[in-house]
C-alpha atoms as a PDB file:
ATOM      1  CA  MET A   1      20.489   2.527  -3.834  1.00  0.00           C
ATOM      2  CA  LEU A   2      17.841  -0.017  -4.821  1.00  0.00           C
ATOM      3  CA  ALA A   3      14.742  -0.168  -2.619  1.00  0.00           C
ATOM      4  CA  LEU A   4      12.487  -3.040  -2.731  1.00  0.00           C
ATOM      5  CA  ILE A   5       9.149  -2.934  -1.817  1.00  0.00           C
ATOM      6  CA  ARG A   6       6.927  -6.027  -0.591  1.00  0.00           C
ATOM      7  CA  GLY A   7       3.570  -4.617  -1.331  1.00  0.00           C
ATOM      8  CA  ALA A   8       1.877  -2.096  -3.680  1.00  0.00           C
ATOM      9  CA  GLY A   9      -1.051  -0.932  -2.312  1.00  0.00           C
ATOM     10  CA  ASP A  10      -2.025   2.707  -1.767  1.00  0.00           C
ATOM     11  CA  LEU A  11       0.720   3.153   1.506  1.00  0.00           C
ATOM     12  CA  ALA A  12       3.661   1.283  -0.237  1.00  0.00           C
ATOM     13  CA  SER A  13       2.476   3.521  -3.399  1.00  0.00           C
ATOM     14  CA  GLY A  14       3.294   6.485  -1.125  1.00  0.00           C
ATOM     15  CA  ILE A  15       6.624   5.098   0.115  1.00  0.00           C
ATOM     16  CA  ALA A  16       7.509   4.368  -3.290  1.00  0.00           C
ATOM     17  CA  LEU A  17       6.497   7.715  -4.861  1.00  0.00           C
ATOM     18  CA  ARG A  18       8.619   9.354  -2.093  1.00  0.00           C
ATOM     19  CA  LEU A  19      11.724   7.123  -2.188  1.00  0.00           C
ATOM     20  CA  TRP A  20      11.239   7.239  -6.281  1.00  0.00           C
ATOM     21  CA  HIS A  21      11.403  11.256  -5.944  1.00  0.00           C
ATOM     22  CA  SER A  22      14.396  11.242  -3.625  1.00  0.00           C
ATOM     23  CA  GLY A  23      16.492   9.352  -6.434  1.00  0.00           C
ATOM     24  CA  PHE A  24      16.086   5.551  -4.935  1.00  0.00           C
ATOM     25  CA  ASP A  25      15.956   2.938  -7.407  1.00  0.00           C
ATOM     26  CA  VAL A  26      12.121   1.261  -6.574  1.00  0.00           C
ATOM     27  CA  ILE A  27      10.740  -2.287  -7.309  1.00  0.00           C
ATOM     28  CA  MET A  28       7.829  -3.145  -6.190  1.00  0.00           C
ATOM     29  CA  THR A  29       5.891  -7.017  -5.634  1.00  0.00           C
ATOM     30  CA  ASP A  30       2.667  -8.004  -5.208  1.00  0.00           C
ATOM     31  CA  ILE A  31      -0.129 -10.891  -5.258  1.00  0.00           C
ATOM     32  CA  GLU A  32      -0.984 -12.277  -8.810  1.00  0.00           C
ATOM     33  CA  HIS A  33      -4.655 -10.741  -8.098  1.00  0.00           C
ATOM     34  CA  PRO A  34      -4.367  -7.549  -5.762  1.00  0.00           C
ATOM     35  CA  THR A  35      -7.046  -6.400  -3.323  1.00  0.00           C
ATOM     36  CA  SER A  36      -6.546  -3.037  -3.533  1.00  0.00           C
ATOM     37  CA  ILE A  37      -9.687  -0.268  -3.047  1.00  0.00           C
ATOM     38  CA  ARG A  38      -7.716   2.856  -3.424  1.00  0.00           C
ATOM     39  CA  ARG A  39      -6.725   1.826  -7.091  1.00  0.00           C
ATOM     40  CA  THR A  40      -6.061   4.928  -8.387  1.00  0.00           C
ATOM     41  CA  VAL A  41      -2.754   5.676  -6.333  1.00  0.00           C
ATOM     42  CA  SER A  42      -1.548   1.850  -6.060  1.00  0.00           C
ATOM     43  CA  PHE A  43       1.277   0.120  -8.289  1.00  0.00           C
ATOM     44  CA  SER A  44      -0.742  -2.649  -8.044  1.00  0.00           C
ATOM     45  CA  GLU A  45      -2.869  -1.840 -10.977  1.00  0.00           C
ATOM     46  CA  ALA A  46       0.390  -2.425 -13.085  1.00  0.00           C
ATOM     47  CA  VAL A  47      -0.198  -6.178 -11.982  1.00  0.00           C
ATOM     48  CA  VAL A  48      -3.984  -6.241 -13.586  1.00  0.00           C
ATOM     49  CA  ASN A  49      -3.736  -3.656 -16.576  1.00  0.00           C
ATOM     50  CA  ARG A  50       0.303  -4.007 -16.964  1.00  0.00           C
ATOM     51  CA  ARG A  51       0.851  -0.620 -16.427  1.00  0.00           C
ATOM     52  CA  ALA A  52      -0.135   2.188 -13.684  1.00  0.00           C
ATOM     53  CA  ASP A  53       0.029   5.770 -12.961  1.00  0.00           C
ATOM     54  CA  VAL A  54       0.279   7.246  -9.808  1.00  0.00           C
ATOM     55  CA  GLU A  55       0.989  10.911  -9.589  1.00  0.00           C
ATOM     56  CA  ASP A  56       4.055  11.834 -11.833  1.00  0.00           C
ATOM     57  CA  VAL A  57       5.433   8.007 -11.934  1.00  0.00           C
ATOM     58  CA  SER A  58       4.658   5.468 -14.103  1.00  0.00           C
ATOM     59  CA  ALA A  59       4.948   1.761 -13.332  1.00  0.00           C
ATOM     60  CA  GLN A  60       4.683  -1.112 -15.475  1.00  0.00           C
ATOM     61  CA  LEU A  61       4.597  -4.937 -15.219  1.00  0.00           C
ATOM     62  CA  ALA A  62       8.181  -6.665 -15.533  1.00  0.00           C
ATOM     63  CA  GLU A  63       8.739  -9.864 -17.110  1.00  0.00           C
ATOM     64  CA  ASN A  64      12.025 -10.732 -15.267  1.00  0.00           C
ATOM     65  CA  ILE A  65      14.641  -9.221 -13.762  1.00  0.00           C
ATOM     66  CA  THR A  66      16.633  -8.035 -16.640  1.00  0.00           C
ATOM     67  CA  HIS A  67      13.137  -6.147 -17.722  1.00  0.00           C
ATOM     68  CA  ALA A  68      13.099  -4.438 -14.330  1.00  0.00           C
ATOM     69  CA  ARG A  69      16.417  -2.934 -14.973  1.00  0.00           C
ATOM     70  CA  GLU A  70      15.519  -1.842 -18.714  1.00  0.00           C
ATOM     71  CA  LEU A  71      12.194  -0.091 -17.075  1.00  0.00           C
ATOM     72  CA  MET A  72      14.431   2.075 -14.360  1.00  0.00           C
ATOM     73  CA  LYS A  73      16.584   2.983 -17.122  1.00  0.00           C
ATOM     74  CA  ARG A  74      13.394   4.495 -18.666  1.00  0.00           C
ATOM     75  CA  ASP A  75      12.319   5.944 -15.633  1.00  0.00           C
ATOM     76  CA  ILE A  76       9.902   3.432 -15.233  1.00  0.00           C
ATOM     77  CA  LEU A  77       9.117   1.901 -11.726  1.00  0.00           C
ATOM     78  CA  PRO A  78       9.059  -2.258 -12.415  1.00  0.00           C
ATOM     79  CA  VAL A  79       6.144  -4.282 -10.159  1.00  0.00           C
ATOM     80  CA  PHE A  80       6.555  -7.751 -10.435  1.00  0.00           C
ATOM     81  CA  ALA A  81       3.577 -10.393  -9.814  1.00  0.00           C
ATOM     82  CA  ASP A  82       5.718 -12.251  -6.801  1.00  0.00           C
ATOM     83  CA  PRO A  83       4.254 -12.687  -3.480  1.00  0.00           C
ATOM     84  CA  ASP A  84       6.713 -14.246  -1.877  1.00  0.00           C
ATOM     85  CA  CYS A  85       9.220 -11.621  -3.074  1.00  0.00           C
ATOM     86  CA  LYS A  86      11.709 -14.396  -4.939  1.00  0.00           C
ATOM     87  CA  CYS A  87      12.661 -11.674  -6.958  1.00  0.00           C
ATOM     88  CA  ARG A  88      14.782 -10.348  -3.773  1.00  0.00           C
ATOM     89  CA  GLU A  89      17.552 -13.294  -4.064  1.00  0.00           C
ATOM     90  CA  GLU A  90      18.856 -12.014  -7.693  1.00  0.00           C
ATOM     91  CA  LEU A  91      18.080  -8.520  -7.033  1.00  0.00           C
ATOM     92  CA  CYS A  92      20.062  -8.015  -3.639  1.00  0.00           C
ATOM     93  CA  PRO A  93      18.643  -5.275  -2.894  1.00  0.00           C
ATOM     94  CA  ASP A  94      20.103  -2.521  -0.334  1.00  0.00           C
ATOM     95  CA  VAL A  95      17.003  -1.730   1.133  1.00  0.00           C
ATOM     96  CA  LEU A  96      13.842  -3.797   1.911  1.00  0.00           C
ATOM     97  CA  ILE A  97      10.425  -2.527   2.620  1.00  0.00           C
ATOM     98  CA  ASP A  98       7.848  -4.806   4.086  1.00  0.00           C
ATOM     99  CA  ALA A  99       4.761  -2.402   3.141  1.00  0.00           C
ATOM    100  CA  ILE A 100       2.045  -5.651   2.611  1.00  0.00           C
ATOM    101  CA  LEU A 101       0.152  -4.308   5.790  1.00  0.00           C
ATOM    102  CA  ALA A 102      -0.938  -7.708   6.648  1.00  0.00           C
ATOM    103  CA  LYS A 103      -0.758  -6.934  10.789  1.00  0.00           C
ATOM    104  CA  ARG A 104       1.773  -9.701  10.627  1.00  0.00           C
ATOM    105  CA  ASN A 105       5.217 -10.442   9.322  1.00  0.00           C
ATOM    106  CA  LEU A 106       4.473 -13.239   6.476  1.00  0.00           C
ATOM    107  CA  GLY A 107       8.311 -13.952   6.159  1.00  0.00           C
ATOM    108  CA  THR A 108      10.486 -10.905   6.172  1.00  0.00           C
ATOM    109  CA  LYS A 109      13.754 -11.372   8.104  1.00  0.00           C
ATOM    110  CA  ILE A 110      16.631  -9.018   9.350  1.00  0.00           C
ATOM    111  CA  THR A 111      18.832 -10.670   7.139  1.00  0.00           C
ATOM    112  CA  ASP A 112      16.974  -9.675   4.019  1.00  0.00           C
ATOM    113  CA  ALA A 113      18.895  -6.972   3.190  1.00  0.00           C
ATOM    114  CA  PRO A 114      21.348  -4.586   4.496  1.00  0.00           C
ATOM    115  CA  ILE A 115      18.340  -2.618   5.665  1.00  0.00           C
ATOM    116  CA  VAL A 116      15.126  -3.560   6.529  1.00  0.00           C
ATOM    117  CA  ILE A 117      12.076  -1.911   7.391  1.00  0.00           C
ATOM    118  CA  GLY A 118       8.484  -3.119   8.804  1.00  0.00           C
ATOM    119  CA  VAL A 119       5.785  -0.854   8.179  1.00  0.00           C
ATOM    120  CA  GLY A 120       3.048  -0.926  10.716  1.00  0.00           C
ATOM    121  CA  PRO A 121       1.987  -3.603  13.362  1.00  0.00           C
ATOM    122  CA  GLY A 122       3.613  -7.410  13.204  1.00  0.00           C
ATOM    123  CA  PHE A 123       7.259  -6.623  13.442  1.00  0.00           C
ATOM    124  CA  GLU A 124       9.664  -6.287  15.798  1.00  0.00           C
ATOM    125  CA  ALA A 125      12.790  -3.658  15.070  1.00  0.00           C
ATOM    126  CA  GLY A 126      15.756  -5.517  16.176  1.00  0.00           C
ATOM    127  CA  VAL A 127      14.674  -8.827  15.542  1.00  0.00           C
ATOM    128  CA  ASP A 128      13.247  -9.896  11.982  1.00  0.00           C
ATOM    129  CA  CYS A 129      13.929  -5.665  10.657  1.00  0.00           C
ATOM    130  CA  HIS A 130      15.902  -3.058  11.535  1.00  0.00           C
ATOM    131  CA  ALA A 131      13.198  -0.597  12.241  1.00  0.00           C
ATOM    132  CA  VAL A 132       9.434   0.174  12.068  1.00  0.00           C
ATOM    133  CA  VAL A 133       7.607   2.882  11.267  1.00  0.00           C
ATOM    134  CA  GLU A 134       4.125   3.137  12.979  1.00  0.00           C
ATOM    135  CA  THR A 135       0.810   3.232  10.634  1.00  0.00           C
ATOM    136  CA  MET A 136      -1.822   4.541  13.494  1.00  0.00           C
ATOM    137  CA  ARG A 137      -3.356   7.536  12.803  1.00  0.00           C
ATOM    138  CA  GLY A 138      -2.566  10.127  15.602  1.00  0.00           C
ATOM    139  CA  HIS A 139       0.307  11.659  17.692  1.00  0.00           C
ATOM    140  CA  THR A 140       2.904   8.727  16.673  1.00  0.00           C
ATOM    141  CA  LEU A 141       2.017   7.970  12.672  1.00  0.00           C
ATOM    142  CA  GLY A 142       5.098   7.717  10.695  1.00  0.00           C
ATOM    143  CA  ARG A 143       7.801   7.687  13.540  1.00  0.00           C
ATOM    144  CA  VAL A 144      10.241   5.677  13.466  1.00  0.00           C
ATOM    145  CA  ILE A 145      10.926   2.679  15.877  1.00  0.00           C
ATOM    146  CA  TYR A 146      14.299   1.078  16.420  1.00  0.00           C
ATOM    147  CA  LYS A 147      13.397  -1.353  18.788  1.00  0.00           C
ATOM    148  CA  GLY A 148      10.233  -2.357  19.693  1.00  0.00           C
ATOM    149  CA  SER A 149       7.035  -2.961  17.662  1.00  0.00           C
ATOM    150  CA  ALA A 150       4.259  -0.838  15.838  1.00  0.00           C
ATOM    151  CA  LEU A 151       0.923   0.042  18.153  1.00  0.00           C
ATOM    152  CA  PRO A 152      -1.442  -2.955  17.504  1.00  0.00           C
ATOM    153  CA  ASN A 153      -4.032  -3.277  15.055  1.00  0.00           C
ATOM    154  CA  THR A 154      -7.641  -2.253  16.186  1.00  0.00           C
ATOM    155  CA  ASN A 155      -9.209  -2.817  12.896  1.00  0.00           C
ATOM    156  CA  ILE A 156     -10.904   0.911  13.711  1.00  0.00           C
ATOM    157  CA  PRO A 157     -10.113   2.829  10.634  1.00  0.00           C
ATOM    158  CA  GLY A 158      -8.335   6.464  11.413  1.00  0.00           C
ATOM    159  CA  LEU A 159     -10.651   9.603  11.764  1.00  0.00           C
ATOM    160  CA  ILE A 160     -11.599  11.576   8.438  1.00  0.00           C
ATOM    161  CA  GLY A 161     -13.962  13.974   8.334  1.00  0.00           C
ATOM    162  CA  GLY A 162     -15.621  13.473  11.598  1.00  0.00           C
ATOM    163  CA  PHE A 163     -15.699   9.594  10.729  1.00  0.00           C
ATOM    164  CA  ALA A 164     -13.562   6.309  11.286  1.00  0.00           C
ATOM    165  CA  GLY A 165     -15.464   3.220  10.986  1.00  0.00           C
ATOM    166  CA  GLU A 166     -18.470   4.653   8.923  1.00  0.00           C
ATOM    167  CA  ARG A 167     -16.197   4.996   5.767  1.00  0.00           C
ATOM    168  CA  VAL A 168     -15.228   1.487   5.603  1.00  0.00           C
ATOM    169  CA  LEU A 169     -17.712  -0.187   3.096  1.00  0.00           C
ATOM    170  CA  ARG A 170     -17.230  -4.372   3.438  1.00  0.00           C
ATOM    171  CA  ALA A 171     -18.214  -6.867   1.255  1.00  0.00           C
ATOM    172  CA  PRO A 172     -21.376  -8.288   2.222  1.00  0.00           C
ATOM    173  CA  ASP A 173     -20.860 -11.697   1.801  1.00  0.00           C
ATOM    174  CA  ASP A 174     -18.431 -14.313   0.674  1.00  0.00           C
ATOM    175  CA  GLY A 175     -18.522 -14.778  -3.296  1.00  0.00           C
ATOM    176  CA  ILE A 176     -17.191 -12.372  -6.368  1.00  0.00           C
ATOM    177  CA  PHE A 177     -17.608  -8.948  -6.321  1.00  0.00           C
ATOM    178  CA  ARG A 178     -19.460  -6.434  -9.006  1.00  0.00           C
ATOM    179  CA  GLY A 179     -19.273  -3.069  -8.479  1.00  0.00           C
ATOM    180  CA  THR A 180     -22.216  -0.492  -9.254  1.00  0.00           C
ATOM    181  CA  HIS A 181     -20.275   3.084  -9.291  1.00  0.00           C
ATOM    182  CA  SER A 182     -16.690   4.047  -9.673  1.00  0.00           C
ATOM    183  CA  ILE A 183     -13.952   5.751  -8.022  1.00  0.00           C
ATOM    184  CA  GLY A 184     -14.542   9.382  -7.957  1.00  0.00           C
ATOM    185  CA  ASP A 185     -18.166   9.065  -7.788  1.00  0.00           C
ATOM    186  CA  GLU A 186     -20.087  11.379  -5.252  1.00  0.00           C
ATOM    187  CA  VAL A 187     -22.287   9.034  -3.317  1.00  0.00           C
ATOM    188  CA  GLN A 188     -25.051   9.350  -0.569  1.00  0.00           C
ATOM    189  CA  ALA A 189     -25.636   7.148   2.422  1.00  0.00           C
ATOM    190  CA  GLY A 190     -27.889   4.019   1.136  1.00  0.00           C
ATOM    191  CA  ASP A 191     -26.246   4.158  -2.015  1.00  0.00           C
ATOM    192  CA  ILE A 192     -25.877   0.614  -3.338  1.00  0.00           C
ATOM    193  CA  VAL A 193     -22.117   0.683  -5.042  1.00  0.00           C
ATOM    194  CA  GLY A 194     -21.760  -2.704  -5.579  1.00  0.00           C
ATOM    195  CA  TYR A 195     -23.009  -6.301  -5.018  1.00  0.00           C
ATOM    196  CA  VAL A 196     -21.453  -9.774  -3.922  1.00  0.00           C
ATOM    197  CA  GLY A 197     -23.755 -12.002  -5.465  1.00  0.00           C
ATOM    198  CA  ASP A 198     -27.365 -10.463  -4.869  1.00  0.00           C
ATOM    199  CA  LYS A 199     -26.401  -8.602  -1.613  1.00  0.00           C
ATOM    200  CA  PRO A 200     -25.791  -4.730  -1.908  1.00  0.00           C
ATOM    201  CA  MET A 201     -23.422  -3.415  -0.557  1.00  0.00           C
ATOM    202  CA  LYS A 202     -24.163   0.173   0.836  1.00  0.00           C
ATOM    203  CA  CYS A 203     -22.673   3.518   1.713  1.00  0.00           C
ATOM    204  CA  THR A 204     -23.283   4.462   5.437  1.00  0.00           C
ATOM    205  CA  ILE A 205     -22.407   8.012   5.024  1.00  0.00           C
ATOM    206  CA  SER A 206     -22.343  10.567   2.080  1.00  0.00           C
ATOM    207  CA  GLY A 207     -19.417  11.939   0.375  1.00  0.00           C
ATOM    208  CA  VAL A 208     -16.663  10.706  -2.378  1.00  0.00           C
ATOM    209  CA  LEU A 209     -15.935   7.304  -3.138  1.00  0.00           C
ATOM    210  CA  ARG A 210     -12.860   7.033  -2.755  1.00  0.00           C
ATOM    211  CA  GLY A 211     -11.350   3.146  -3.119  1.00  0.00           C
ATOM    212  CA  LEU A 212     -13.691   0.500  -4.486  1.00  0.00           C
ATOM    213  CA  LEU A 213     -12.395  -3.283  -5.036  1.00  0.00           C
ATOM    214  CA  ALA A 214     -12.384  -4.109  -8.872  1.00  0.00           C
ATOM    215  CA  ASP A 215     -14.689  -5.945 -10.763  1.00  0.00           C
ATOM    216  CA  GLY A 216     -13.948  -9.774 -10.343  1.00  0.00           C
ATOM    217  CA  THR A 217     -12.110  -9.499  -7.140  1.00  0.00           C
ATOM    218  CA  LYS A 218     -13.197 -12.746  -4.623  1.00  0.00           C
ATOM    219  CA  THR A 219     -14.236 -11.459  -1.439  1.00  0.00           C
ATOM    220  CA  TYR A 220     -15.034 -12.800   2.093  1.00  0.00           C
ATOM    221  CA  LYS A 221     -18.019 -11.284   4.370  1.00  0.00           C
ATOM    222  CA  GLY A 222     -16.762  -8.176   6.199  1.00  0.00           C
ATOM    223  CA  MET A 223     -13.365  -7.425   3.699  1.00  0.00           C
ATOM    224  CA  LYS A 224     -12.780  -3.980   3.192  1.00  0.00           C
ATOM    225  CA  ALA A 225     -14.229  -3.688  -0.516  1.00  0.00           C
ATOM    226  CA  GLY A 226     -14.941   0.311  -0.490  1.00  0.00           C
ATOM    227  CA  ASP A 227     -14.002   3.625   0.715  1.00  0.00           C
ATOM    228  CA  VAL A 228     -15.956   7.004   0.956  1.00  0.00           C
ATOM    229  CA  ASP A 229     -14.185  10.453   1.611  1.00  0.00           C
ATOM    230  CA  PRO A 230     -16.621  12.220   3.498  1.00  0.00           C
ATOM    231  CA  ARG A 231     -14.676  15.245   2.711  1.00  0.00           C
ATOM    232  CA  GLY A 232     -15.945  15.194  -0.953  1.00  0.00           C
ATOM    233  CA  LYS A 233     -13.081  16.520  -2.711  1.00  0.00           C
ATOM    234  CA  LYS A 234     -12.873  14.519  -5.734  1.00  0.00           C
ATOM    235  CA  GLU A 235      -9.044  15.582  -6.204  1.00  0.00           C
ATOM    236  CA  TYR A 236      -8.358  13.511  -3.219  1.00  0.00           C
ATOM    237  CA  CYS A 237      -8.847   9.841  -5.092  1.00  0.00           C
ATOM    238  CA  TYR A 238      -6.048  11.213  -7.569  1.00  0.00           C
ATOM    239  CA  THR A 239      -3.263  11.581  -4.939  1.00  0.00           C
ATOM    240  CA  VAL A 240      -1.463   9.907  -2.290  1.00  0.00           C
ATOM    241  CA  SER A 241      -2.903  10.725   1.367  1.00  0.00           C
ATOM    242  CA  ASP A 242      -1.539  12.288   4.160  1.00  0.00           C
ATOM    243  CA  LYS A 243      -1.447   9.132   5.939  1.00  0.00           C
ATOM    244  CA  ALA A 244       0.961   7.555   3.122  1.00  0.00           C
ATOM    245  CA  LEU A 245       3.425  10.757   2.693  1.00  0.00           C
ATOM    246  CA  ALA A 246       3.509  10.594   6.660  1.00  0.00           C
ATOM    247  CA  VAL A 247       4.538   6.716   6.813  1.00  0.00           C
ATOM    248  CA  ALA A 248       7.113   7.301   3.473  1.00  0.00           C
ATOM    249  CA  GLY A 249       8.535   9.704   5.357  1.00  0.00           C
ATOM    250  CA  GLY A 250       9.288   7.728   8.210  1.00  0.00           C
ATOM    251  CA  VAL A 251      10.724   4.991   5.795  1.00  0.00           C
ATOM    252  CA  LEU A 252      12.942   7.696   4.292  1.00  0.00           C
ATOM    253  CA  GLU A 253      14.157   9.011   7.934  1.00  0.00           C
ATOM    254  CA  ALA A 254      14.877   5.213   8.451  1.00  0.00           C
ATOM    255  CA  ILE A 255      16.800   4.562   5.516  1.00  0.00           C
ATOM    256  CA  LEU A 256      19.080   7.542   5.850  1.00  0.00           C
ATOM    257  CA  HIS A 257      19.738   7.534   9.631  1.00  0.00           C
ATOM    258  CA  LEU A 258      20.527   3.297   9.321  1.00  0.00           C
ATOM    259  CA  TYR A 259      22.719   3.919   5.931  1.00  0.00           C
ATOM    260  CA  THR A 260      24.870   6.386   8.011  1.00  0.00           C
ATOM    261  CA  GLU A 261      24.796   4.073  11.307  1.00  0.00           C
ATOM    262  CA  LYS A 262      26.151   1.707   9.438  1.00  0.00           C
ATOM    263  CA  GLY A 263      29.222   3.523   7.398  1.00  0.00           C
ATOM    264  CA  GLY A 264      27.556   3.225   4.158  1.00  0.00           C
ATOM    265  CA  PHE A 265      27.387  -0.442   2.296  1.00  0.00           C
END
């Protein structure tokens, strides 16, 4: 069964990892200049560096559909730089998963595949997809919704290690980002971990730098540009998060439920 995932950031990559381990063929798409901050666990890095490894799965930038199929035969996950997901028409996937996490639907339709799943807010099950998976941390994280929508976006990050919004680092200005630290570094509150122009981006809490924009990324003021994990576990930087795995479990459940309900393809 072929699953096509729109988006290749950390949550989308957690979904890809779980489906890959479950025996699915998986292909991902992303924009030409990805803005993932948890780059050590994002297959979107394949768009930038031509290849990426997330845990025990390797991905590579696919040049065309034929190349993508060759990669899958070699147990390599293909990633396309294809923001409009034009490859869908030729691939004819069994499942399409929109995990762009744009908080709104950027064009996914319920007719795009036999099974269409929207991840997070911006989708309505039964209208533009067959199921929605909740991404809000809390009691309903990972729950599958077959009628209705996910909880609306609050712009407040989930609580980790006793901190929520303080964890997120935001670009101090419009411009081009330049980092002064690397993912995995230990940081203290007040440390400067990057600049946009001559304006510094400072940590508000201490911990481990779990995510950071790539150098040269174009930013706007207030854009999410980094993430500090107050738990201080460097190894967490290199494995997909509990949230990503919970959402991935919901996606897997939705696929199996809908496949059974439809009596197969």
